[in-house]
Amino acid sequence: MAVVIYHNPGCSKFLKTLRIFQDKGVSLEIVEYMQTLLDVTELKRIVGLLGVSVGDIVCAKEAAEEGVVAGLDDEGLFAAIIDHPRIMQRPIVINDDRAAIRRLPENVFDIF
């Protein structure tokens, strides 16, 4: 099974992570979630694999820029991510049943 990366093409951390995988010859499935919008079921699956709350996958700065109000409950946050996918932290890397938010691309292999 290929490693899945959810990303925004404008994200510099994604580009670093991508280069690391390419250098190692890892088979990748790249999901551009700004183009291929995620549904609530997939978002809940990702949050579950990450073992975090939905609030942990929201970038506060970009949420504010998109006009997403603070203090939303989980369902409100899921809806906000669907409506404003740019607010999702990235890249998110999934390897089988393990996942991580790759804020530090150099640690990308800690879920293998």
PDB file of N, CA and C in Angstrom:
ATOM      1  N   MET A   1       0.842  -1.186   0.000  1.00  0.00           N
ATOM      2  CA  MET A   1       0.000   0.000   0.000  1.00  0.00           C
ATOM      3  C   MET A   1       0.884   1.246   0.000  1.00  0.00           C
ATOM      4  N   ALA A   2       0.497   2.223  -0.773  1.00  0.00           N
ATOM      5  CA  ALA A   2       1.249   3.468  -0.853  1.00  0.00           C
ATOM      6  C   ALA A   2       1.006   4.319   0.388  1.00  0.00           C
ATOM      7  N   VAL A   3       1.991   5.092   0.707  1.00  0.00           N
ATOM      8  CA  VAL A   3       1.858   6.098   1.754  1.00  0.00           C
ATOM      9  C   VAL A   3       0.997   7.217   1.173  1.00  0.00           C
ATOM     10  N   VAL A   4       0.031   7.700   1.955  1.00  0.00           N
ATOM     11  CA  VAL A   4      -0.868   8.760   1.507  1.00  0.00           C
ATOM     12  C   VAL A   4      -0.444  10.070   2.165  1.00  0.00           C
ATOM     13  N   ILE A   5      -0.356  11.111   1.355  1.00  0.00           N
ATOM     14  CA  ILE A   5      -0.039  12.441   1.868  1.00  0.00           C
ATOM     15  C   ILE A   5      -1.169  13.384   1.480  1.00  0.00           C
ATOM     16  N   TYR A   6      -1.778  14.010   2.493  1.00  0.00           N
ATOM     17  CA  TYR A   6      -2.778  15.055   2.262  1.00  0.00           C
ATOM     18  C   TYR A   6      -2.034  16.381   2.314  1.00  0.00           C
ATOM     19  N   HIS A   7      -2.167  17.164   1.269  1.00  0.00           N
ATOM     20  CA  HIS A   7      -1.367  18.376   1.247  1.00  0.00           C
ATOM     21  C   HIS A   7      -2.023  19.496   0.458  1.00  0.00           C
ATOM     22  N   ASN A   8      -1.447  20.661   0.648  1.00  0.00           N
ATOM     23  CA  ASN A   8      -1.779  21.873  -0.084  1.00  0.00           C
ATOM     24  C   ASN A   8      -0.532  22.176  -0.923  1.00  0.00           C
ATOM     25  N   PRO A   9      -0.653  22.279  -2.246  1.00  0.00           N
ATOM     26  CA  PRO A   9       0.536  22.451  -3.086  1.00  0.00           C
ATOM     27  C   PRO A   9       1.401  23.658  -2.735  1.00  0.00           C
ATOM     28  N   GLY A  10       0.861  24.634  -2.056  1.00  0.00           N
ATOM     29  CA  GLY A  10       1.644  25.808  -1.691  1.00  0.00           C
ATOM     30  C   GLY A  10       2.405  25.654  -0.384  1.00  0.00           C
ATOM     31  N   CYS A  11       2.377  24.480   0.200  1.00  0.00           N
ATOM     32  CA  CYS A  11       2.977  24.257   1.515  1.00  0.00           C
ATOM     33  C   CYS A  11       4.445  23.848   1.380  1.00  0.00           C
ATOM     34  N   SER A  12       5.333  24.633   1.944  1.00  0.00           N
ATOM     35  CA  SER A  12       6.770  24.334   1.851  1.00  0.00           C
ATOM     36  C   SER A  12       7.131  23.060   2.605  1.00  0.00           C
ATOM     37  N   LYS A  13       6.439  22.767   3.698  1.00  0.00           N
ATOM     38  CA  LYS A  13       6.731  21.549   4.449  1.00  0.00           C
ATOM     39  C   LYS A  13       6.352  20.309   3.636  1.00  0.00           C
ATOM     40  N   PHE A  14       5.290  20.416   2.836  1.00  0.00           N
ATOM     41  CA  PHE A  14       4.949  19.306   1.959  1.00  0.00           C
ATOM     42  C   PHE A  14       6.079  19.055   0.974  1.00  0.00           C
ATOM     43  N   LEU A  15       6.602  20.111   0.375  1.00  0.00           N
ATOM     44  CA  LEU A  15       7.657  19.947  -0.628  1.00  0.00           C
ATOM     45  C   LEU A  15       8.890  19.288  -0.018  1.00  0.00           C
ATOM     46  N   LYS A  16       9.243  19.648   1.206  1.00  0.00           N
ATOM     47  CA  LYS A  16      10.372  19.005   1.890  1.00  0.00           C
ATOM     48  C   LYS A  16      10.072  17.537   2.154  1.00  0.00           C
ATOM     49  N   THR A  17       8.853  17.264   2.630  1.00  0.00           N
ATOM     50  CA  THR A  17       8.457  15.887   2.908  1.00  0.00           C
ATOM     51  C   THR A  17       8.455  15.059   1.630  1.00  0.00           C
ATOM     52  N   LEU A  18       7.926  15.611   0.559  1.00  0.00           N
ATOM     53  CA  LEU A  18       7.890  14.919  -0.723  1.00  0.00           C
ATOM     54  C   LEU A  18       9.300  14.546  -1.178  1.00  0.00           C
ATOM     55  N   ARG A  19      10.231  15.471  -1.078  1.00  0.00           N
ATOM     56  CA  ARG A  19      11.623  15.190  -1.488  1.00  0.00           C
ATOM     57  C   ARG A  19      12.222  14.060  -0.662  1.00  0.00           C
ATOM     58  N   ILE A  20      11.937  14.048   0.636  1.00  0.00           N
ATOM     59  CA  ILE A  20      12.459  12.980   1.502  1.00  0.00           C
ATOM     60  C   ILE A  20      11.935  11.629   1.030  1.00  0.00           C
ATOM     61  N   PHE A  21      10.636  11.537   0.776  1.00  0.00           N
ATOM     62  CA  PHE A  21      10.056  10.279   0.303  1.00  0.00           C
ATOM     63  C   PHE A  21      10.623   9.887  -1.056  1.00  0.00           C
ATOM     64  N   GLN A  22      10.728  10.834  -1.961  1.00  0.00           N
ATOM     65  CA  GLN A  22      11.259  10.537  -3.285  1.00  0.00           C
ATOM     66  C   GLN A  22      12.693  10.035  -3.196  1.00  0.00           C
ATOM     67  N   ASP A  23      13.497  10.649  -2.343  1.00  0.00           N
ATOM     68  CA  ASP A  23      14.889  10.216  -2.169  1.00  0.00           C
ATOM     69  C   ASP A  23      14.978   8.783  -1.648  1.00  0.00           C
ATOM     70  N   LYS A  24      13.986   8.368  -0.871  1.00  0.00           N
ATOM     71  CA  LYS A  24      13.960   7.012  -0.302  1.00  0.00           C
ATOM     72  C   LYS A  24      13.226   6.018  -1.205  1.00  0.00           C
ATOM     73  N   GLY A  25      12.643   6.495  -2.305  1.00  0.00           N
ATOM     74  CA  GLY A  25      11.936   5.613  -3.225  1.00  0.00           C
ATOM     75  C   GLY A  25      10.601   5.094  -2.703  1.00  0.00           C
ATOM     76  N   VAL A  26       9.963   5.837  -1.808  1.00  0.00           N
ATOM     77  CA  VAL A  26       8.685   5.426  -1.216  1.00  0.00           C
ATOM     78  C   VAL A  26       7.553   5.678  -2.221  1.00  0.00           C
ATOM     79  N   SER A  27       6.685   4.683  -2.380  1.00  0.00           N
ATOM     80  CA  SER A  27       5.510   4.813  -3.240  1.00  0.00           C
ATOM     81  C   SER A  27       4.489   5.721  -2.552  1.00  0.00           C
ATOM     82  N   LEU A  28       4.028   6.741  -3.275  1.00  0.00           N
ATOM     83  CA  LEU A  28       3.163   7.756  -2.680  1.00  0.00           C
ATOM     84  C   LEU A  28       1.838   7.900  -3.402  1.00  0.00           C
ATOM     85  N   GLU A  29       0.806   8.178  -2.621  1.00  0.00           N
ATOM     86  CA  GLU A  29      -0.472   8.652  -3.151  1.00  0.00           C
ATOM     87  C   GLU A  29      -0.641  10.061  -2.599  1.00  0.00           C
ATOM     88  N   ILE A  30      -0.662  11.042  -3.482  1.00  0.00           N
ATOM     89  CA  ILE A  30      -0.763  12.435  -3.059  1.00  0.00           C
ATOM     90  C   ILE A  30      -2.200  12.909  -3.246  1.00  0.00           C
ATOM     91  N   VAL A  31      -2.809  13.359  -2.151  1.00  0.00           N
ATOM     92  CA  VAL A  31      -4.177  13.865  -2.188  1.00  0.00           C
ATOM     93  C   VAL A  31      -4.123  15.376  -2.004  1.00  0.00           C
ATOM     94  N   GLU A  32      -4.442  16.105  -3.056  1.00  0.00           N
ATOM     95  CA  GLU A  32      -4.499  17.562  -2.968  1.00  0.00           C
ATOM     96  C   GLU A  32      -5.881  17.935  -2.439  1.00  0.00           C
ATOM     97  N   TYR A  33      -5.974  18.050  -1.120  1.00  0.00           N
ATOM     98  CA  TYR A  33      -7.284  18.228  -0.490  1.00  0.00           C
ATOM     99  C   TYR A  33      -7.925  19.575  -0.791  1.00  0.00           C
ATOM    100  N   MET A  34      -7.191  20.480  -1.419  1.00  0.00           N
ATOM    101  CA  MET A  34      -7.810  21.733  -1.856  1.00  0.00           C
ATOM    102  C   MET A  34      -8.585  21.494  -3.159  1.00  0.00           C
ATOM    103  N   GLN A  35      -8.195  20.480  -3.916  1.00  0.00           N
ATOM    104  CA  GLN A  35      -8.862  20.121  -5.167  1.00  0.00           C
ATOM    105  C   GLN A  35      -9.865  18.982  -4.950  1.00  0.00           C
ATOM    106  N   THR A  36      -9.425  17.956  -4.222  1.00  0.00           N
ATOM    107  CA  THR A  36     -10.262  16.809  -3.905  1.00  0.00           C
ATOM    108  C   THR A  36     -10.744  16.998  -2.476  1.00  0.00           C
ATOM    109  N   LEU A  37     -11.872  17.656  -2.318  1.00  0.00           N
ATOM    110  CA  LEU A  37     -12.351  18.005  -0.989  1.00  0.00           C
ATOM    111  C   LEU A  37     -12.675  16.757  -0.175  1.00  0.00           C
ATOM    112  N   LEU A  38     -12.317  16.797   1.086  1.00  0.00           N
ATOM    113  CA  LEU A  38     -12.578  15.688   1.992  1.00  0.00           C
ATOM    114  C   LEU A  38     -13.988  15.804   2.550  1.00  0.00           C
ATOM    115  N   ASP A  39     -14.572  14.664   2.876  1.00  0.00           N
ATOM    116  CA  ASP A  39     -15.874  14.697   3.537  1.00  0.00           C
ATOM    117  C   ASP A  39     -15.670  14.442   5.031  1.00  0.00           C
ATOM    118  N   VAL A  40     -16.720  14.591   5.794  1.00  0.00           N
ATOM    119  CA  VAL A  40     -16.616  14.485   7.244  1.00  0.00           C
ATOM    120  C   VAL A  40     -16.178  13.085   7.664  1.00  0.00           C
ATOM    121  N   THR A  41     -16.597  12.056   6.951  1.00  0.00           N
ATOM    122  CA  THR A  41     -16.197  10.685   7.290  1.00  0.00           C
ATOM    123  C   THR A  41     -14.683  10.529   7.168  1.00  0.00           C
ATOM    124  N   GLU A  42     -14.107  11.028   6.073  1.00  0.00           N
ATOM    125  CA  GLU A  42     -12.658  10.927   5.878  1.00  0.00           C
ATOM    126  C   GLU A  42     -11.916  11.776   6.900  1.00  0.00           C
ATOM    127  N   LEU A  43     -12.410  12.968   7.203  1.00  0.00           N
ATOM    128  CA  LEU A  43     -11.771  13.808   8.213  1.00  0.00           C
ATOM    129  C   LEU A  43     -11.773  13.132   9.581  1.00  0.00           C
ATOM    130  N   LYS A  44     -12.884  12.512   9.944  1.00  0.00           N
ATOM    131  CA  LYS A  44     -12.954  11.817  11.234  1.00  0.00           C
ATOM    132  C   LYS A  44     -12.000  10.630  11.264  1.00  0.00           C
ATOM    133  N   ARG A  45     -11.853   9.941  10.135  1.00  0.00           N
ATOM    134  CA  ARG A  45     -10.911   8.820  10.051  1.00  0.00           C
ATOM    135  C   ARG A  45      -9.481   9.324  10.256  1.00  0.00           C
ATOM    136  N   ILE A  46      -9.140  10.422   9.610  1.00  0.00           N
ATOM    137  CA  ILE A  46      -7.801  10.997   9.737  1.00  0.00           C
ATOM    138  C   ILE A  46      -7.528  11.417  11.180  1.00  0.00           C
ATOM    139  N   VAL A  47      -8.481  12.109  11.794  1.00  0.00           N
ATOM    140  CA  VAL A  47      -8.324  12.542  13.189  1.00  0.00           C
ATOM    141  C   VAL A  47      -8.144  11.324  14.092  1.00  0.00           C
ATOM    142  N   GLY A  48      -8.920  10.269  13.840  1.00  0.00           N
ATOM    143  CA  GLY A  48      -8.785   9.047  14.623  1.00  0.00           C
ATOM    144  C   GLY A  48      -7.412   8.403  14.465  1.00  0.00           C
ATOM    145  N   LEU A  49      -6.908   8.337  13.237  1.00  0.00           N
ATOM    146  CA  LEU A  49      -5.578   7.774  13.011  1.00  0.00           C
ATOM    147  C   LEU A  49      -4.494   8.614  13.672  1.00  0.00           C
ATOM    148  N   LEU A  50      -4.681   9.926  13.652  1.00  0.00           N
ATOM    149  CA  LEU A  50      -3.711  10.815  14.289  1.00  0.00           C
ATOM    150  C   LEU A  50      -3.752  10.703  15.814  1.00  0.00           C
ATOM    151  N   GLY A  51      -4.916  10.316  16.349  1.00  0.00           N
ATOM    152  CA  GLY A  51      -5.071  10.237  17.800  1.00  0.00           C
ATOM    153  C   GLY A  51      -5.105  11.609  18.464  1.00  0.00           C
ATOM    154  N   VAL A  52      -5.695  12.575  17.763  1.00  0.00           N
ATOM    155  CA  VAL A  52      -5.776  13.948  18.268  1.00  0.00           C
ATOM    156  C   VAL A  52      -7.224  14.419  18.202  1.00  0.00           C
ATOM    157  N   SER A  53      -7.468  15.612  18.686  1.00  0.00           N
ATOM    158  CA  SER A  53      -8.800  16.203  18.516  1.00  0.00           C
ATOM    159  C   SER A  53      -8.835  16.932  17.185  1.00  0.00           C
ATOM    160  N   VAL A  54     -10.017  17.193  16.680  1.00  0.00           N
ATOM    161  CA  VAL A  54     -10.133  17.902  15.401  1.00  0.00           C
ATOM    162  C   VAL A  54      -9.496  19.283  15.484  1.00  0.00           C
ATOM    163  N   GLY A  55      -9.537  19.910  16.643  1.00  0.00           N
ATOM    164  CA  GLY A  55      -8.910  21.212  16.802  1.00  0.00           C
ATOM    165  C   GLY A  55      -7.403  21.189  16.571  1.00  0.00           C
ATOM    166  N   ASP A  56      -6.794  20.016  16.790  1.00  0.00           N
ATOM    167  CA  ASP A  56      -5.355  19.881  16.597  1.00  0.00           C
ATOM    168  C   ASP A  56      -4.943  19.862  15.128  1.00  0.00           C
ATOM    169  N   ILE A  57      -5.903  19.665  14.221  1.00  0.00           N
ATOM    170  CA  ILE A  57      -5.536  19.677  12.800  1.00  0.00           C
ATOM    171  C   ILE A  57      -5.934  20.993  12.135  1.00  0.00           C
ATOM    172  N   VAL A  58      -6.329  21.963  12.948  1.00  0.00           N
ATOM    173  CA  VAL A  58      -6.696  23.277  12.422  1.00  0.00           C
ATOM    174  C   VAL A  58      -5.545  24.250  12.658  1.00  0.00           C
ATOM    175  N   CYS A  59      -5.124  24.919  11.618  1.00  0.00           N
ATOM    176  CA  CYS A  59      -4.105  25.963  11.715  1.00  0.00           C
ATOM    177  C   CYS A  59      -4.820  27.254  12.126  1.00  0.00           C
ATOM    178  N   ALA A  60      -4.562  27.714  13.350  1.00  0.00           N
ATOM    179  CA  ALA A  60      -5.274  28.868  13.905  1.00  0.00           C
ATOM    180  C   ALA A  60      -5.088  30.120  13.057  1.00  0.00           C
ATOM    181  N   LYS A  61      -3.884  30.348  12.586  1.00  0.00           N
ATOM    182  CA  LYS A  61      -3.611  31.550  11.789  1.00  0.00           C
ATOM    183  C   LYS A  61      -4.445  31.546  10.508  1.00  0.00           C
ATOM    184  N   GLU A  62      -4.450  30.441   9.813  1.00  0.00           N
ATOM    185  CA  GLU A  62      -5.204  30.376   8.559  1.00  0.00           C
ATOM    186  C   GLU A  62      -6.704  30.340   8.811  1.00  0.00           C
ATOM    187  N   ALA A  63      -7.127  29.764   9.934  1.00  0.00           N
ATOM    188  CA  ALA A  63      -8.547  29.788  10.276  1.00  0.00           C
ATOM    189  C   ALA A  63      -9.007  31.228  10.476  1.00  0.00           C
ATOM    190  N   ALA A  64      -8.202  32.021  11.175  1.00  0.00           N
ATOM    191  CA  ALA A  64      -8.546  33.429  11.382  1.00  0.00           C
ATOM    192  C   ALA A  64      -8.582  34.176  10.048  1.00  0.00           C
ATOM    193  N   GLU A  65      -7.615  33.893   9.179  1.00  0.00           N
ATOM    194  CA  GLU A  65      -7.582  34.535   7.869  1.00  0.00           C
ATOM    195  C   GLU A  65      -8.801  34.184   7.020  1.00  0.00           C
ATOM    196  N   GLU A  66      -9.327  32.975   7.220  1.00  0.00           N
ATOM    197  CA  GLU A  66     -10.506  32.528   6.470  1.00  0.00           C
ATOM    198  C   GLU A  66     -11.809  32.968   7.127  1.00  0.00           C
ATOM    199  N   GLY A  67     -11.722  33.609   8.288  1.00  0.00           N
ATOM    200  CA  GLY A  67     -12.914  34.085   8.973  1.00  0.00           C
ATOM    201  C   GLY A  67     -13.637  33.024   9.784  1.00  0.00           C
ATOM    202  N   VAL A  68     -12.949  31.940  10.105  1.00  0.00           N
ATOM    203  CA  VAL A  68     -13.544  30.881  10.923  1.00  0.00           C
ATOM    204  C   VAL A  68     -13.529  31.347  12.375  1.00  0.00           C
ATOM    205  N   VAL A  69     -14.681  31.360  12.982  1.00  0.00           N
ATOM    206  CA  VAL A  69     -14.802  31.862  14.353  1.00  0.00           C
ATOM    207  C   VAL A  69     -14.186  30.880  15.346  1.00  0.00           C
ATOM    208  N   ALA A  70     -13.590  31.412  16.393  1.00  0.00           N
ATOM    209  CA  ALA A  70     -13.001  30.594  17.451  1.00  0.00           C
ATOM    210  C   ALA A  70     -14.113  29.992  18.298  1.00  0.00           C
ATOM    211  N   GLY A  71     -13.799  28.906  18.976  1.00  0.00           N
ATOM    212  CA  GLY A  71     -14.728  28.311  19.929  1.00  0.00           C
ATOM    213  C   GLY A  71     -15.742  27.348  19.337  1.00  0.00           C
ATOM    214  N   LEU A  72     -15.530  26.914  18.088  1.00  0.00           N
ATOM    215  CA  LEU A  72     -16.460  25.952  17.485  1.00  0.00           C
ATOM    216  C   LEU A  72     -16.329  24.592  18.162  1.00  0.00           C
ATOM    217  N   ASP A  73     -17.451  23.863  18.251  1.00  0.00           N
ATOM    218  CA  ASP A  73     -17.386  22.497  18.743  1.00  0.00           C
ATOM    219  C   ASP A  73     -16.814  21.611  17.631  1.00  0.00           C
ATOM    220  N   ASP A  74     -16.641  20.312  17.930  1.00  0.00           N
ATOM    221  CA  ASP A  74     -16.018  19.411  16.957  1.00  0.00           C
ATOM    222  C   ASP A  74     -16.755  19.394  15.626  1.00  0.00           C
ATOM    223  N   GLU A  75     -18.065  19.293  15.661  1.00  0.00           N
ATOM    224  CA  GLU A  75     -18.818  19.249  14.400  1.00  0.00           C
ATOM    225  C   GLU A  75     -18.652  20.554  13.620  1.00  0.00           C
ATOM    226  N   GLY A  76     -18.604  21.669  14.343  1.00  0.00           N
ATOM    227  CA  GLY A  76     -18.379  22.951  13.694  1.00  0.00           C
ATOM    228  C   GLY A  76     -17.002  23.032  13.066  1.00  0.00           C
ATOM    229  N   LEU A  77     -15.993  22.453  13.746  1.00  0.00           N
ATOM    230  CA  LEU A  77     -14.638  22.438  13.192  1.00  0.00           C
ATOM    231  C   LEU A  77     -14.552  21.560  11.946  1.00  0.00           C
ATOM    232  N   PHE A  78     -15.205  20.392  11.992  1.00  0.00           N
ATOM    233  CA  PHE A  78     -15.221  19.532  10.799  1.00  0.00           C
ATOM    234  C   PHE A  78     -15.853  20.281   9.629  1.00  0.00           C
ATOM    235  N   ALA A  79     -16.974  20.950   9.888  1.00  0.00           N
ATOM    236  CA  ALA A  79     -17.651  21.712   8.833  1.00  0.00           C
ATOM    237  C   ALA A  79     -16.763  22.847   8.321  1.00  0.00           C
ATOM    238  N   ALA A  80     -16.040  23.501   9.226  1.00  0.00           N
ATOM    239  CA  ALA A  80     -15.155  24.599   8.827  1.00  0.00           C
ATOM    240  C   ALA A  80     -14.030  24.095   7.927  1.00  0.00           C
ATOM    241  N   ILE A  81     -13.473  22.918   8.240  1.00  0.00           N
ATOM    242  CA  ILE A  81     -12.413  22.352   7.404  1.00  0.00           C
ATOM    243  C   ILE A  81     -12.957  22.011   6.021  1.00  0.00           C
ATOM    244  N   ILE A  82     -14.156  21.474   5.974  1.00  0.00           N
ATOM    245  CA  ILE A  82     -14.768  21.150   4.679  1.00  0.00           C
ATOM    246  C   ILE A  82     -15.013  22.419   3.871  1.00  0.00           C
ATOM    247  N   ASP A  83     -15.506  23.453   4.527  1.00  0.00           N
ATOM    248  CA  ASP A  83     -15.788  24.724   3.844  1.00  0.00           C
ATOM    249  C   ASP A  83     -14.530  25.529   3.521  1.00  0.00           C
ATOM    250  N   HIS A  84     -13.491  25.373   4.336  1.00  0.00           N
ATOM    251  CA  HIS A  84     -12.240  26.133   4.188  1.00  0.00           C
ATOM    252  C   HIS A  84     -11.059  25.160   4.327  1.00  0.00           C
ATOM    253  N   PRO A  85     -10.827  24.298   3.358  1.00  0.00           N
ATOM    254  CA  PRO A  85      -9.794  23.257   3.506  1.00  0.00           C
ATOM    255  C   PRO A  85      -8.398  23.807   3.770  1.00  0.00           C
ATOM    256  N   ARG A  86      -8.152  25.037   3.420  1.00  0.00           N
ATOM    257  CA  ARG A  86      -6.840  25.648   3.649  1.00  0.00           C
ATOM    258  C   ARG A  86      -6.468  25.661   5.132  1.00  0.00           C
ATOM    259  N   ILE A  87      -7.450  25.587   6.037  1.00  0.00           N
ATOM    260  CA  ILE A  87      -7.155  25.683   7.467  1.00  0.00           C
ATOM    261  C   ILE A  87      -6.610  24.388   8.053  1.00  0.00           C
ATOM    262  N   MET A  88      -6.614  23.311   7.289  1.00  0.00           N
ATOM    263  CA  MET A  88      -6.122  22.034   7.799  1.00  0.00           C
ATOM    264  C   MET A  88      -4.597  22.034   7.852  1.00  0.00           C
ATOM    265  N   GLN A  89      -4.056  21.582   8.978  1.00  0.00           N
ATOM    266  CA  GLN A  89      -2.601  21.428   9.103  1.00  0.00           C
ATOM    267  C   GLN A  89      -2.107  20.479   8.014  1.00  0.00           C
ATOM    268  N   ARG A  90      -0.884  20.681   7.566  1.00  0.00           N
ATOM    269  CA  ARG A  90      -0.340  19.825   6.526  1.00  0.00           C
ATOM    270  C   ARG A  90       1.176  19.846   6.573  1.00  0.00           C
ATOM    271  N   PRO A  91       1.731  18.869   5.893  1.00  0.00           N
ATOM    272  CA  PRO A  91       1.035  17.730   5.303  1.00  0.00           C
ATOM    273  C   PRO A  91       0.684  16.700   6.371  1.00  0.00           C
ATOM    274  N   ILE A  92      -0.358  15.950   6.112  1.00  0.00           N
ATOM    275  CA  ILE A  92      -0.711  14.803   6.947  1.00  0.00           C
ATOM    276  C   ILE A  92      -0.294  13.572   6.165  1.00  0.00           C
ATOM    277  N   VAL A  93       0.474  12.704   6.814  1.00  0.00           N
ATOM    278  CA  VAL A  93       0.994  11.500   6.183  1.00  0.00           C
ATOM    279  C   VAL A  93       0.337  10.295   6.850  1.00  0.00           C
ATOM    280  N   ILE A  94      -0.166   9.363   6.014  1.00  0.00           N
ATOM    281  CA  ILE A  94      -0.781   8.146   6.532  1.00  0.00           C
ATOM    282  C   ILE A  94      -0.056   6.950   5.945  1.00  0.00           C
ATOM    283  N   ASN A  95       0.335   6.056   6.824  1.00  0.00           N
ATOM    284  CA  ASN A  95       0.972   4.804   6.441  1.00  0.00           C
ATOM    285  C   ASN A  95       0.175   3.694   7.107  1.00  0.00           C
ATOM    286  N   ASP A  96      -0.660   3.016   6.309  1.00  0.00           N
ATOM    287  CA  ASP A  96      -1.561   1.978   6.815  1.00  0.00           C
ATOM    288  C   ASP A  96      -2.462   2.544   7.905  1.00  0.00           C
ATOM    289  N   ASP A  97      -2.274   2.109   9.162  1.00  0.00           N
ATOM    290  CA  ASP A  97      -3.150   2.575  10.239  1.00  0.00           C
ATOM    291  C   ASP A  97      -2.451   3.571  11.165  1.00  0.00           C
ATOM    292  N   ARG A  98      -1.373   4.168  10.677  1.00  0.00           N
ATOM    293  CA  ARG A  98      -0.649   5.174  11.454  1.00  0.00           C
ATOM    294  C   ARG A  98      -0.626   6.477  10.670  1.00  0.00           C
ATOM    295  N   ALA A  99      -0.665   7.585  11.389  1.00  0.00           N
ATOM    296  CA  ALA A  99      -0.684   8.889  10.727  1.00  0.00           C
ATOM    297  C   ALA A  99       0.068   9.903  11.573  1.00  0.00           C
ATOM    298  N   ALA A 100       0.523  10.951  10.891  1.00  0.00           N
ATOM    299  CA  ALA A 100       1.222  12.038  11.584  1.00  0.00           C
ATOM    300  C   ALA A 100       1.061  13.318  10.784  1.00  0.00           C
ATOM    301  N   ILE A 101       1.049  14.427  11.497  1.00  0.00           N
ATOM    302  CA  ILE A 101       1.108  15.740  10.861  1.00  0.00           C
ATOM    303  C   ILE A 101       2.588  16.064  10.741  1.00  0.00           C
ATOM    304  N   ARG A 102       3.050  16.290   9.544  1.00  0.00           N
ATOM    305  CA  ARG A 102       4.482  16.439   9.298  1.00  0.00           C
ATOM    306  C   ARG A 102       4.930  17.885   9.365  1.00  0.00           C
ATOM    307  N   ARG A 103       4.784  18.485  10.523  1.00  0.00           N
ATOM    308  CA  ARG A 103       5.296  19.843  10.678  1.00  0.00           C
ATOM    309  C   ARG A 103       6.819  19.857  10.603  1.00  0.00           C
ATOM    310  N   LEU A 104       7.436  18.735  10.965  1.00  0.00           N
ATOM    311  CA  LEU A 104       8.891  18.590  10.902  1.00  0.00           C
ATOM    312  C   LEU A 104       9.212  17.511   9.874  1.00  0.00           C
ATOM    313  N   PRO A 105       9.398  17.864   8.625  1.00  0.00           N
ATOM    314  CA  PRO A 105       9.586  16.876   7.563  1.00  0.00           C
ATOM    315  C   PRO A 105      10.716  15.896   7.817  1.00  0.00           C
ATOM    316  N   GLU A 106      11.742  16.296   8.541  1.00  0.00           N
ATOM    317  CA  GLU A 106      12.862  15.398   8.765  1.00  0.00           C
ATOM    318  C   GLU A 106      12.493  14.202   9.645  1.00  0.00           C
ATOM    319  N   ASN A 107      11.365  14.268  10.359  1.00  0.00           N
ATOM    320  CA  ASN A 107      10.908  13.165  11.206  1.00  0.00           C
ATOM    321  C   ASN A 107       9.843  12.319  10.510  1.00  0.00           C
ATOM    322  N   VAL A 108       9.780  12.376   9.204  1.00  0.00           N
ATOM    323  CA  VAL A 108       8.700  11.763   8.450  1.00  0.00           C
ATOM    324  C   VAL A 108       8.637  10.245   8.609  1.00  0.00           C
ATOM    325  N   PHE A 109       9.719   9.587   8.900  1.00  0.00           N
ATOM    326  CA  PHE A 109       9.713   8.135   8.943  1.00  0.00           C
ATOM    327  C   PHE A 109       9.376   7.565  10.325  1.00  0.00           C
ATOM    328  N   ASP A 110       8.980   8.406  11.270  1.00  0.00           N
ATOM    329  CA  ASP A 110       8.658   7.890  12.595  1.00  0.00           C
ATOM    330  C   ASP A 110       7.309   7.171  12.653  1.00  0.00           C
ATOM    331  N   ILE A 111       6.552   7.133  11.563  1.00  0.00           N
ATOM    332  CA  ILE A 111       5.297   6.370  11.559  1.00  0.00           C
ATOM    333  C   ILE A 111       5.445   5.070  10.772  1.00  0.00           C
ATOM    334  N   PHE A 112       6.664   4.688  10.438  1.00  0.00           N
ATOM    335  CA  PHE A 112       6.898   3.441   9.705  1.00  0.00           C
ATOM    336  C   PHE A 112       7.311   2.354  10.657  1.00  0.00           C
TER     337      PHE A 112
END
